[in-house]
Amino acid sequence: MRIVLTSILFVFCVISAIWAYQMNYETRYKKKQIIEINKKIKSTLDRIDLLNAEWAFLNSPERLSQLADENFLKLNLIPLSKNNIKYSMDQINNSNEIKNGQ
């Protein structure tokens, strides 16, 4: 009886050791995956920050004003004044309805 109980406990210990080894291996693998994913996330966030900074620079009012001044004649622009705004909101809405076939 004692030999049977000892054998069962021994088998249980071996199975537990194998299970613990597998869990340890899986945990290390998952930890490496998490580290890689976190690196990708950081890289993506850095790229987003860079693109936001570039967008802010490209759309800065000073830069847009300078570009408009440089290309004023090329683009056939006219100076903005209240006399140049000739459509009211009603006229714009009517124009949109005609375009949409309503």
PDB file of N, CA and C in Angstrom:
ATOM      1  N   MET A   1       0.830  -1.192   0.000  1.00  0.00           N
ATOM      2  CA  MET A   1       0.000   0.000   0.000  1.00  0.00           C
ATOM      3  C   MET A   1       0.872   1.254   0.000  1.00  0.00           C
ATOM      4  N   ARG A   2       1.936   1.164   0.771  1.00  0.00           N
ATOM      5  CA  ARG A   2       2.830   2.291   0.862  1.00  0.00           C
ATOM      6  C   ARG A   2       3.522   2.549  -0.486  1.00  0.00           C
ATOM      7  N   ILE A   3       3.875   1.517  -1.171  1.00  0.00           N
ATOM      8  CA  ILE A   3       4.540   1.642  -2.468  1.00  0.00           C
ATOM      9  C   ILE A   3       3.590   2.270  -3.485  1.00  0.00           C
ATOM     10  N   VAL A   4       2.341   1.902  -3.458  1.00  0.00           N
ATOM     11  CA  VAL A   4       1.346   2.458  -4.383  1.00  0.00           C
ATOM     12  C   VAL A   4       1.174   3.951  -4.118  1.00  0.00           C
ATOM     13  N   LEU A   5       1.039   4.326  -2.859  1.00  0.00           N
ATOM     14  CA  LEU A   5       0.870   5.736  -2.497  1.00  0.00           C
ATOM     15  C   LEU A   5       2.116   6.536  -2.885  1.00  0.00           C
ATOM     16  N   THR A   6       3.285   5.992  -2.642  1.00  0.00           N
ATOM     17  CA  THR A   6       4.533   6.656  -3.012  1.00  0.00           C
ATOM     18  C   THR A   6       4.628   6.801  -4.526  1.00  0.00           C
ATOM     19  N   SER A   7       4.238   5.782  -5.249  1.00  0.00           N
ATOM     20  CA  SER A   7       4.274   5.830  -6.715  1.00  0.00           C
ATOM     21  C   SER A   7       3.317   6.890  -7.248  1.00  0.00           C
ATOM     22  N   ILE A   8       2.139   6.951  -6.676  1.00  0.00           N
ATOM     23  CA  ILE A   8       1.144   7.953  -7.103  1.00  0.00           C
ATOM     24  C   ILE A   8       1.665   9.358  -6.826  1.00  0.00           C
ATOM     25  N   LEU A   9       2.241   9.574  -5.644  1.00  0.00           N
ATOM     26  CA  LEU A   9       2.786  10.889  -5.308  1.00  0.00           C
ATOM     27  C   LEU A   9       3.960  11.250  -6.219  1.00  0.00           C
ATOM     28  N   PHE A  10       4.797  10.264  -6.532  1.00  0.00           N
ATOM     29  CA  PHE A  10       5.927  10.501  -7.426  1.00  0.00           C
ATOM     30  C   PHE A  10       5.441  10.910  -8.819  1.00  0.00           C
ATOM     31  N   VAL A  11       4.454  10.183  -9.331  1.00  0.00           N
ATOM     32  CA  VAL A  11       3.892  10.512 -10.649  1.00  0.00           C
ATOM     33  C   VAL A  11       3.262  11.905 -10.613  1.00  0.00           C
ATOM     34  N   PHE A  12       2.557  12.214  -9.543  1.00  0.00           N
ATOM     35  CA  PHE A  12       1.942  13.532  -9.390  1.00  0.00           C
ATOM     36  C   PHE A  12       3.016  14.624  -9.377  1.00  0.00           C
ATOM     37  N   CYS A  13       4.120  14.397  -8.676  1.00  0.00           N
ATOM     38  CA  CYS A  13       5.217  15.375  -8.628  1.00  0.00           C
ATOM     39  C   CYS A  13       5.843  15.567 -10.007  1.00  0.00           C
ATOM     40  N   VAL A  14       6.026  14.484 -10.740  1.00  0.00           N
ATOM     41  CA  VAL A  14       6.604  14.584 -12.081  1.00  0.00           C
ATOM     42  C   VAL A  14       5.669  15.366 -12.999  1.00  0.00           C
ATOM     43  N   ILE A  15       4.390  15.054 -12.938  1.00  0.00           N
ATOM     44  CA  ILE A  15       3.402  15.773 -13.763  1.00  0.00           C
ATOM     45  C   ILE A  15       3.376  17.251 -13.378  1.00  0.00           C
ATOM     46  N   SER A  16       3.422  17.541 -12.080  1.00  0.00           N
ATOM     47  CA  SER A  16       3.431  18.936 -11.615  1.00  0.00           C
ATOM     48  C   SER A  16       4.681  19.663 -12.093  1.00  0.00           C
ATOM     49  N   ALA A  17       5.817  18.984 -12.063  1.00  0.00           N
ATOM     50  CA  ALA A  17       7.063  19.608 -12.525  1.00  0.00           C
ATOM     51  C   ALA A  17       6.997  19.906 -14.017  1.00  0.00           C
ATOM     52  N   ILE A  18       6.464  18.988 -14.796  1.00  0.00           N
ATOM     53  CA  ILE A  18       6.321  19.205 -16.242  1.00  0.00           C
ATOM     54  C   ILE A  18       5.377  20.372 -16.507  1.00  0.00           C
ATOM     55  N   TRP A  19       4.269  20.402 -15.797  1.00  0.00           N
ATOM     56  CA  TRP A  19       3.297  21.494 -15.957  1.00  0.00           C
ATOM     57  C   TRP A  19       3.942  22.832 -15.586  1.00  0.00           C
ATOM     58  N   ALA A  20       4.681  22.873 -14.462  1.00  0.00           N
ATOM     59  CA  ALA A  20       5.333  24.113 -14.024  1.00  0.00           C
ATOM     60  C   ALA A  20       6.366  24.577 -15.055  1.00  0.00           C
ATOM     61  N   TYR A  21       7.108  23.644 -15.627  1.00  0.00           N
ATOM     62  CA  TYR A  21       8.093  23.988 -16.655  1.00  0.00           C
ATOM     63  C   TYR A  21       7.406  24.594 -17.880  1.00  0.00           C
ATOM     64  N   GLN A  22       6.310  23.975 -18.308  1.00  0.00           N
ATOM     65  CA  GLN A  22       5.580  24.492 -19.470  1.00  0.00           C
ATOM     66  C   GLN A  22       5.013  25.886 -19.189  1.00  0.00           C
ATOM     67  N   MET A  23       4.472  26.079 -17.992  1.00  0.00           N
ATOM     68  CA  MET A  23       3.930  27.395 -17.635  1.00  0.00           C
ATOM     69  C   MET A  23       5.044  28.444 -17.619  1.00  0.00           C
ATOM     70  N   ASN A  24       6.193  28.078 -17.083  1.00  0.00           N
ATOM     71  CA  ASN A  24       7.330  28.992 -17.047  1.00  0.00           C
ATOM     72  C   ASN A  24       7.766  29.354 -18.463  1.00  0.00           C
ATOM     73  N   TYR A  25       7.842  28.385 -19.341  1.00  0.00           N
ATOM     74  CA  TYR A  25       8.230  28.615 -20.731  1.00  0.00           C
ATOM     75  C   TYR A  25       7.210  29.509 -21.435  1.00  0.00           C
ATOM     76  N   GLU A  26       5.927  29.209 -21.262  1.00  0.00           N
ATOM     77  CA  GLU A  26       4.874  30.026 -21.891  1.00  0.00           C
ATOM     78  C   GLU A  26       4.901  31.455 -21.364  1.00  0.00           C
ATOM     79  N   THR A  27       5.129  31.599 -20.058  1.00  0.00           N
ATOM     80  CA  THR A  27       5.168  32.929 -19.458  1.00  0.00           C
ATOM     81  C   THR A  27       6.310  33.755 -20.034  1.00  0.00           C
ATOM     82  N   ARG A  28       7.475  33.157 -20.172  1.00  0.00           N
ATOM     83  CA  ARG A  28       8.611  33.873 -20.753  1.00  0.00           C
ATOM     84  C   ARG A  28       8.331  34.252 -22.209  1.00  0.00           C
ATOM     85  N   TYR A  29       7.711  33.345 -22.950  1.00  0.00           N
ATOM     86  CA  TYR A  29       7.373  33.625 -24.351  1.00  0.00           C
ATOM     87  C   TYR A  29       6.379  34.780 -24.447  1.00  0.00           C
ATOM     88  N   LYS A  30       5.350  34.744 -23.599  1.00  0.00           N
ATOM     89  CA  LYS A  30       4.345  35.818 -23.608  1.00  0.00           C
ATOM     90  C   LYS A  30       4.973  37.147 -23.193  1.00  0.00           C
ATOM     91  N   LYS A  31       5.899  37.098 -22.227  1.00  0.00           N
ATOM     92  CA  LYS A  31       6.563  38.327 -21.792  1.00  0.00           C
ATOM     93  C   LYS A  31       7.364  38.937 -22.937  1.00  0.00           C
ATOM     94  N   LYS A  32       8.060  38.109 -23.712  1.00  0.00           N
ATOM     95  CA  LYS A  32       8.797  38.608 -24.878  1.00  0.00           C
ATOM     96  C   LYS A  32       7.846  39.218 -25.900  1.00  0.00           C
ATOM     97  N   GLN A  33       6.694  38.569 -26.093  1.00  0.00           N
ATOM     98  CA  GLN A  33       5.705  39.115 -27.035  1.00  0.00           C
ATOM     99  C   GLN A  33       5.204  40.476 -26.563  1.00  0.00           C
ATOM    100  N   ILE A  34       4.938  40.592 -25.271  1.00  0.00           N
ATOM    101  CA  ILE A  34       4.446  41.857 -24.719  1.00  0.00           C
ATOM    102  C   ILE A  34       5.492  42.954 -24.892  1.00  0.00           C
ATOM    103  N   ILE A  35       6.753  42.624 -24.667  1.00  0.00           N
ATOM    104  CA  ILE A  35       7.824  43.612 -24.844  1.00  0.00           C
ATOM    105  C   ILE A  35       7.877  44.081 -26.295  1.00  0.00           C
ATOM    106  N   GLU A  36       7.765  43.158 -27.241  1.00  0.00           N
ATOM    107  CA  GLU A  36       7.781  43.521 -28.665  1.00  0.00           C
ATOM    108  C   GLU A  36       6.580  44.392 -29.029  1.00  0.00           C
ATOM    109  N   ILE A  37       5.420  44.035 -28.517  1.00  0.00           N
ATOM    110  CA  ILE A  37       4.212  44.821 -28.800  1.00  0.00           C
ATOM    111  C   ILE A  37       4.352  46.220 -28.216  1.00  0.00           C
ATOM    112  N   ASN A  38       4.882  46.323 -26.995  1.00  0.00           N
ATOM    113  CA  ASN A  38       5.076  47.638 -26.381  1.00  0.00           C
ATOM    114  C   ASN A  38       6.064  48.485 -27.174  1.00  0.00           C
ATOM    115  N   LYS A  39       7.106  47.857 -27.730  1.00  0.00           N
ATOM    116  CA  LYS A  39       8.049  48.596 -28.577  1.00  0.00           C
ATOM    117  C   LYS A  39       7.346  49.124 -29.821  1.00  0.00           C
ATOM    118  N   LYS A  40       6.490  48.293 -30.425  1.00  0.00           N
ATOM    119  CA  LYS A  40       5.755  48.735 -31.616  1.00  0.00           C
ATOM    120  C   LYS A  40       4.800  49.872 -31.277  1.00  0.00           C
ATOM    121  N   ILE A  41       4.146  49.769 -30.123  1.00  0.00           N
ATOM    122  CA  ILE A  41       3.221  50.827 -29.700  1.00  0.00           C
ATOM    123  C   ILE A  41       3.985  52.130 -29.501  1.00  0.00           C
ATOM    124  N   LYS A  42       5.124  52.073 -28.813  1.00  0.00           N
ATOM    125  CA  LYS A  42       5.922  53.279 -28.588  1.00  0.00           C
ATOM    126  C   LYS A  42       6.382  53.876 -29.911  1.00  0.00           C
ATOM    127  N   SER A  43       6.817  53.021 -30.815  1.00  0.00           N
ATOM    128  CA  SER A  43       7.258  53.497 -32.127  1.00  0.00           C
ATOM    129  C   SER A  43       6.111  54.174 -32.873  1.00  0.00           C
ATOM    130  N   THR A  44       4.936  53.576 -32.816  1.00  0.00           N
ATOM    131  CA  THR A  44       3.761  54.149 -33.481  1.00  0.00           C
ATOM    132  C   THR A  44       3.372  55.480 -32.847  1.00  0.00           C
ATOM    133  N   LEU A  45       3.394  55.556 -31.513  1.00  0.00           N
ATOM    134  CA  LEU A  45       3.056  56.811 -30.839  1.00  0.00           C
ATOM    135  C   LEU A  45       4.079  57.903 -31.167  1.00  0.00           C
ATOM    136  N   ASP A  46       5.356  57.531 -31.234  1.00  0.00           N
ATOM    137  CA  ASP A  46       6.378  58.509 -31.625  1.00  0.00           C
ATOM    138  C   ASP A  46       6.128  59.008 -33.045  1.00  0.00           C
ATOM    139  N   ARG A  47       5.753  58.101 -33.931  1.00  0.00           N
ATOM    140  CA  ARG A  47       5.461  58.473 -35.322  1.00  0.00           C
ATOM    141  C   ARG A  47       4.242  59.402 -35.381  1.00  0.00           C
ATOM    142  N   ILE A  48       3.230  59.106 -34.583  1.00  0.00           N
ATOM    143  CA  ILE A  48       2.036  59.965 -34.538  1.00  0.00           C
ATOM    144  C   ILE A  48       2.413  61.358 -34.043  1.00  0.00           C
ATOM    145  N   ASP A  49       3.243  61.431 -32.992  1.00  0.00           N
ATOM    146  CA  ASP A  49       3.685  62.736 -32.489  1.00  0.00           C
ATOM    147  C   ASP A  49       4.442  63.512 -33.564  1.00  0.00           C
ATOM    148  N   LEU A  50       5.309  62.816 -34.286  1.00  0.00           N
ATOM    149  CA  LEU A  50       6.064  63.465 -35.359  1.00  0.00           C
ATOM    150  C   LEU A  50       5.125  63.980 -36.452  1.00  0.00           C
ATOM    151  N   LEU A  51       4.150  63.166 -36.841  1.00  0.00           N
ATOM    152  CA  LEU A  51       3.207  63.586 -37.881  1.00  0.00           C
ATOM    153  C   LEU A  51       2.341  64.750 -37.409  1.00  0.00           C
ATOM    154  N   ASN A  52       1.945  64.743 -36.134  1.00  0.00           N
ATOM    155  CA  ASN A  52       1.169  65.868 -35.603  1.00  0.00           C
ATOM    156  C   ASN A  52       1.991  67.153 -35.611  1.00  0.00           C
ATOM    157  N   ALA A  53       3.272  67.047 -35.259  1.00  0.00           N
ATOM    158  CA  ALA A  53       4.134  68.233 -35.287  1.00  0.00           C
ATOM    159  C   ALA A  53       4.299  68.738 -36.718  1.00  0.00           C
ATOM    160  N   GLU A  54       4.480  67.809 -37.647  1.00  0.00           N
ATOM    161  CA  GLU A  54       4.618  68.198 -39.051  1.00  0.00           C
ATOM    162  C   GLU A  54       3.330  68.846 -39.559  1.00  0.00           C
ATOM    163  N   TRP A  55       2.191  68.278 -39.185  1.00  0.00           N
ATOM    164  CA  TRP A  55       0.897  68.834 -39.591  1.00  0.00           C
ATOM    165  C   TRP A  55       0.726  70.247 -39.027  1.00  0.00           C
ATOM    166  N   ALA A  56       1.096  70.430 -37.757  1.00  0.00           N
ATOM    167  CA  ALA A  56       0.978  71.752 -37.144  1.00  0.00           C
ATOM    168  C   ALA A  56       1.871  72.762 -37.870  1.00  0.00           C
ATOM    169  N   PHE A  57       3.075  72.336 -38.237  1.00  0.00           N
ATOM    170  CA  PHE A  57       3.971  73.240 -38.967  1.00  0.00           C
ATOM    171  C   PHE A  57       3.402  73.579 -40.337  1.00  0.00           C
ATOM    172  N   LEU A  58       2.952  72.559 -41.066  1.00  0.00           N
ATOM    173  CA  LEU A  58       2.464  72.797 -42.424  1.00  0.00           C
ATOM    174  C   LEU A  58       1.208  73.660 -42.445  1.00  0.00           C
ATOM    175  N   ASN A  59       0.419  73.626 -41.382  1.00  0.00           N
ATOM    176  CA  ASN A  59      -0.827  74.387 -41.346  1.00  0.00           C
ATOM    177  C   ASN A  59      -0.746  75.627 -40.469  1.00  0.00           C
ATOM    178  N   SER A  60       0.456  76.047 -40.129  1.00  0.00           N
ATOM    179  CA  SER A  60       0.572  77.253 -39.307  1.00  0.00           C
ATOM    180  C   SER A  60       0.117  78.461 -40.134  1.00  0.00           C
ATOM    181  N   PRO A  61      -0.613  79.369 -39.513  1.00  0.00           N
ATOM    182  CA  PRO A  61      -1.128  80.529 -40.254  1.00  0.00           C
ATOM    183  C   PRO A  61      -0.022  81.353 -40.915  1.00  0.00           C
ATOM    184  N   GLU A  62       1.133  81.477 -40.241  1.00  0.00           N
ATOM    185  CA  GLU A  62       2.226  82.256 -40.821  1.00  0.00           C
ATOM    186  C   GLU A  62       2.714  81.607 -42.113  1.00  0.00           C
ATOM    187  N   ARG A  63       2.877  80.293 -42.098  1.00  0.00           N
ATOM    188  CA  ARG A  63       3.367  79.577 -43.282  1.00  0.00           C
ATOM    189  C   ARG A  63       2.349  79.654 -44.416  1.00  0.00           C
ATOM    190  N   LEU A  64       1.072  79.453 -44.087  1.00  0.00           N
ATOM    191  CA  LEU A  64       0.034  79.511 -45.120  1.00  0.00           C
ATOM    192  C   LEU A  64      -0.067  80.910 -45.720  1.00  0.00           C
ATOM    193  N   SER A  65       0.084  81.916 -44.866  1.00  0.00           N
ATOM    194  CA  SER A  65       0.056  83.294 -45.365  1.00  0.00           C
ATOM    195  C   SER A  65       1.242  83.553 -46.288  1.00  0.00           C
ATOM    196  N   GLN A  66       2.412  83.059 -45.904  1.00  0.00           N
ATOM    197  CA  GLN A  66       3.604  83.221 -46.743  1.00  0.00           C
ATOM    198  C   GLN A  66       3.420  82.507 -48.081  1.00  0.00           C
ATOM    199  N   LEU A  67       2.870  81.292 -48.061  1.00  0.00           N
ATOM    200  CA  LEU A  67       2.638  80.560 -49.309  1.00  0.00           C
ATOM    201  C   LEU A  67       1.623  81.279 -50.194  1.00  0.00           C
ATOM    202  N   ALA A  68       0.586  81.825 -49.559  1.00  0.00           N
ATOM    203  CA  ALA A  68      -0.414  82.564 -50.335  1.00  0.00           C
ATOM    204  C   ALA A  68       0.213  83.797 -50.977  1.00  0.00           C
ATOM    205  N   ASP A  69       1.071  84.493 -50.220  1.00  0.00           N
ATOM    206  CA  ASP A  69       1.736  85.676 -50.773  1.00  0.00           C
ATOM    207  C   ASP A  69       2.665  85.299 -51.926  1.00  0.00           C
ATOM    208  N   GLU A  70       3.412  84.204 -51.763  1.00  0.00           N
ATOM    209  CA  GLU A  70       4.359  83.782 -52.798  1.00  0.00           C
ATOM    210  C   GLU A  70       3.650  83.344 -54.078  1.00  0.00           C
ATOM    211  N   ASN A  71       2.481  82.749 -53.937  1.00  0.00           N
ATOM    212  CA  ASN A  71       1.781  82.181 -55.090  1.00  0.00           C
ATOM    213  C   ASN A  71       0.530  82.968 -55.461  1.00  0.00           C
ATOM    214  N   PHE A  72       0.471  84.212 -55.010  1.00  0.00           N
ATOM    215  CA  PHE A  72      -0.713  85.037 -55.220  1.00  0.00           C
ATOM    216  C   PHE A  72      -1.054  85.159 -56.702  1.00  0.00           C
ATOM    217  N   LEU A  73      -0.090  85.492 -57.514  1.00  0.00           N
ATOM    218  CA  LEU A  73      -0.345  85.695 -58.944  1.00  0.00           C
ATOM    219  C   LEU A  73      -0.536  84.371 -59.673  1.00  0.00           C
ATOM    220  N   LYS A  74       0.236  83.363 -59.299  1.00  0.00           N
ATOM    221  CA  LYS A  74       0.121  82.051 -59.950  1.00  0.00           C
ATOM    222  C   LYS A  74      -1.270  81.457 -59.783  1.00  0.00           C
ATOM    223  N   LEU A  75      -1.839  81.657 -58.615  1.00  0.00           N
ATOM    224  CA  LEU A  75      -3.140  81.056 -58.310  1.00  0.00           C
ATOM    225  C   LEU A  75      -4.309  81.975 -58.649  1.00  0.00           C
ATOM    226  N   ASN A  76      -4.020  83.157 -59.171  1.00  0.00           N
ATOM    227  CA  ASN A  76      -5.064  84.143 -59.500  1.00  0.00           C
ATOM    228  C   ASN A  76      -5.951  84.440 -58.296  1.00  0.00           C
ATOM    229  N   LEU A  77      -5.310  84.668 -57.169  1.00  0.00           N
ATOM    230  CA  LEU A  77      -6.057  84.974 -55.951  1.00  0.00           C
ATOM    231  C   LEU A  77      -6.460  86.436 -55.943  1.00  0.00           C
ATOM    232  N   ILE A  78      -7.527  86.718 -55.227  1.00  0.00           N
ATOM    233  CA  ILE A  78      -7.940  88.104 -55.047  1.00  0.00           C
ATOM    234  C   ILE A  78      -7.938  88.386 -53.550  1.00  0.00           C
ATOM    235  N   PRO A  79      -7.640  89.612 -53.171  1.00  0.00           N
ATOM    236  CA  PRO A  79      -7.612  89.934 -51.739  1.00  0.00           C
ATOM    237  C   PRO A  79      -8.995  89.708 -51.118  1.00  0.00           C
ATOM    238  N   LEU A  80      -9.004  89.195 -49.926  1.00  0.00           N
ATOM    239  CA  LEU A  80     -10.260  88.895 -49.244  1.00  0.00           C
ATOM    240  C   LEU A  80     -10.829  90.167 -48.630  1.00  0.00           C
ATOM    241  N   SER A  81     -12.061  90.477 -48.992  1.00  0.00           N
ATOM    242  CA  SER A  81     -12.773  91.601 -48.389  1.00  0.00           C
ATOM    243  C   SER A  81     -14.253  91.246 -48.378  1.00  0.00           C
ATOM    244  N   LYS A  82     -15.022  92.038 -47.677  1.00  0.00           N
ATOM    245  CA  LYS A  82     -16.447  91.716 -47.584  1.00  0.00           C
ATOM    246  C   LYS A  82     -17.153  91.835 -48.932  1.00  0.00           C
ATOM    247  N   ASN A  83     -16.616  92.613 -49.836  1.00  0.00           N
ATOM    248  CA  ASN A  83     -17.224  92.750 -51.160  1.00  0.00           C
ATOM    249  C   ASN A  83     -17.006  91.506 -52.023  1.00  0.00           C
ATOM    250  N   ASN A  84     -15.966  90.727 -51.696  1.00  0.00           N
ATOM    251  CA  ASN A  84     -15.667  89.528 -52.481  1.00  0.00           C
ATOM    252  C   ASN A  84     -16.551  88.344 -52.114  1.00  0.00           C
ATOM    253  N   ILE A  85     -17.201  88.415 -50.976  1.00  0.00           N
ATOM    254  CA  ILE A  85     -18.082  87.331 -50.547  1.00  0.00           C
ATOM    255  C   ILE A  85     -19.459  87.639 -51.110  1.00  0.00           C
ATOM    256  N   LYS A  86     -19.833  86.927 -52.172  1.00  0.00           N
ATOM    257  CA  LYS A  86     -21.054  87.306 -52.876  1.00  0.00           C
ATOM    258  C   LYS A  86     -22.211  86.343 -52.673  1.00  0.00           C
ATOM    259  N   TYR A  87     -21.987  85.226 -51.997  1.00  0.00           N
ATOM    260  CA  TYR A  87     -23.076  84.274 -51.803  1.00  0.00           C
ATOM    261  C   TYR A  87     -23.534  84.272 -50.358  1.00  0.00           C
ATOM    262  N   SER A  88     -24.826  84.270 -50.188  1.00  0.00           N
ATOM    263  CA  SER A  88     -25.360  84.098 -48.844  1.00  0.00           C
ATOM    264  C   SER A  88     -25.559  82.607 -48.603  1.00  0.00           C
ATOM    265  N   MET A  89     -25.828  82.235 -47.395  1.00  0.00           N
ATOM    266  CA  MET A  89     -26.028  80.821 -47.065  1.00  0.00           C
ATOM    267  C   MET A  89     -27.218  80.248 -47.830  1.00  0.00           C
ATOM    268  N   ASP A  90     -28.248  81.050 -48.067  1.00  0.00           N
ATOM    269  CA  ASP A  90     -29.405  80.563 -48.824  1.00  0.00           C
ATOM    270  C   ASP A  90     -29.007  80.210 -50.252  1.00  0.00           C
ATOM    271  N   GLN A  91     -28.199  81.039 -50.864  1.00  0.00           N
ATOM    272  CA  GLN A  91     -27.762  80.757 -52.228  1.00  0.00           C
ATOM    273  C   GLN A  91     -26.885  79.506 -52.276  1.00  0.00           C
ATOM    274  N   ILE A  92     -26.049  79.319 -51.275  1.00  0.00           N
ATOM    275  CA  ILE A  92     -25.200  78.123 -51.223  1.00  0.00           C
ATOM    276  C   ILE A  92     -26.057  76.877 -51.059  1.00  0.00           C
ATOM    277  N   ASN A  93     -27.054  76.945 -50.183  1.00  0.00           N
ATOM    278  CA  ASN A  93     -27.944  75.797 -49.977  1.00  0.00           C
ATOM    279  C   ASN A  93     -28.720  75.473 -51.247  1.00  0.00           C
ATOM    280  N   ASN A  94     -29.212  76.500 -51.947  1.00  0.00           N
ATOM    281  CA  ASN A  94     -29.941  76.266 -53.197  1.00  0.00           C
ATOM    282  C   ASN A  94     -29.027  75.637 -54.243  1.00  0.00           C
ATOM    283  N   SER A  95     -27.805  76.100 -54.301  1.00  0.00           N
ATOM    284  CA  SER A  95     -26.841  75.535 -55.247  1.00  0.00           C
ATOM    285  C   SER A  95     -26.567  74.067 -54.937  1.00  0.00           C
ATOM    286  N   ASN A  96     -26.430  73.727 -53.664  1.00  0.00           N
ATOM    287  CA  ASN A  96     -26.196  72.331 -53.270  1.00  0.00           C
ATOM    288  C   ASN A  96     -27.395  71.451 -53.604  1.00  0.00           C
ATOM    289  N   GLU A  97     -28.603  71.984 -53.437  1.00  0.00           N
ATOM    290  CA  GLU A  97     -29.803  71.209 -53.756  1.00  0.00           C
ATOM    291  C   GLU A  97     -29.872  70.929 -55.257  1.00  0.00           C
ATOM    292  N   ILE A  98     -29.504  71.903 -56.069  1.00  0.00           N
ATOM    293  CA  ILE A  98     -29.519  71.716 -57.526  1.00  0.00           C
ATOM    294  C   ILE A  98     -28.489  70.664 -57.926  1.00  0.00           C
ATOM    295  N   LYS A  99     -27.297  70.722 -57.332  1.00  0.00           N
ATOM    296  CA  LYS A  99     -26.250  69.744 -57.649  1.00  0.00           C
ATOM    297  C   LYS A  99     -26.661  68.334 -57.248  1.00  0.00           C
ATOM    298  N   ASN A 100     -27.360  68.224 -56.130  1.00  0.00           N
ATOM    299  CA  ASN A 100     -27.776  66.908 -55.637  1.00  0.00           C
ATOM    300  C   ASN A 100     -29.059  66.419 -56.299  1.00  0.00           C
ATOM    301  N   GLY A 101     -29.646  67.224 -57.148  1.00  0.00           N
ATOM    302  CA  GLY A 101     -30.850  66.825 -57.868  1.00  0.00           C
ATOM    303  C   GLY A 101     -32.105  66.844 -57.011  1.00  0.00           C
ATOM    304  N   GLN A 102     -32.124  67.677 -56.013  1.00  0.00           N
ATOM    305  CA  GLN A 102     -33.306  67.734 -55.138  1.00  0.00           C
ATOM    306  C   GLN A 102     -34.247  68.828 -55.570  1.00  0.00           C
TER     307      GLN A 102
END
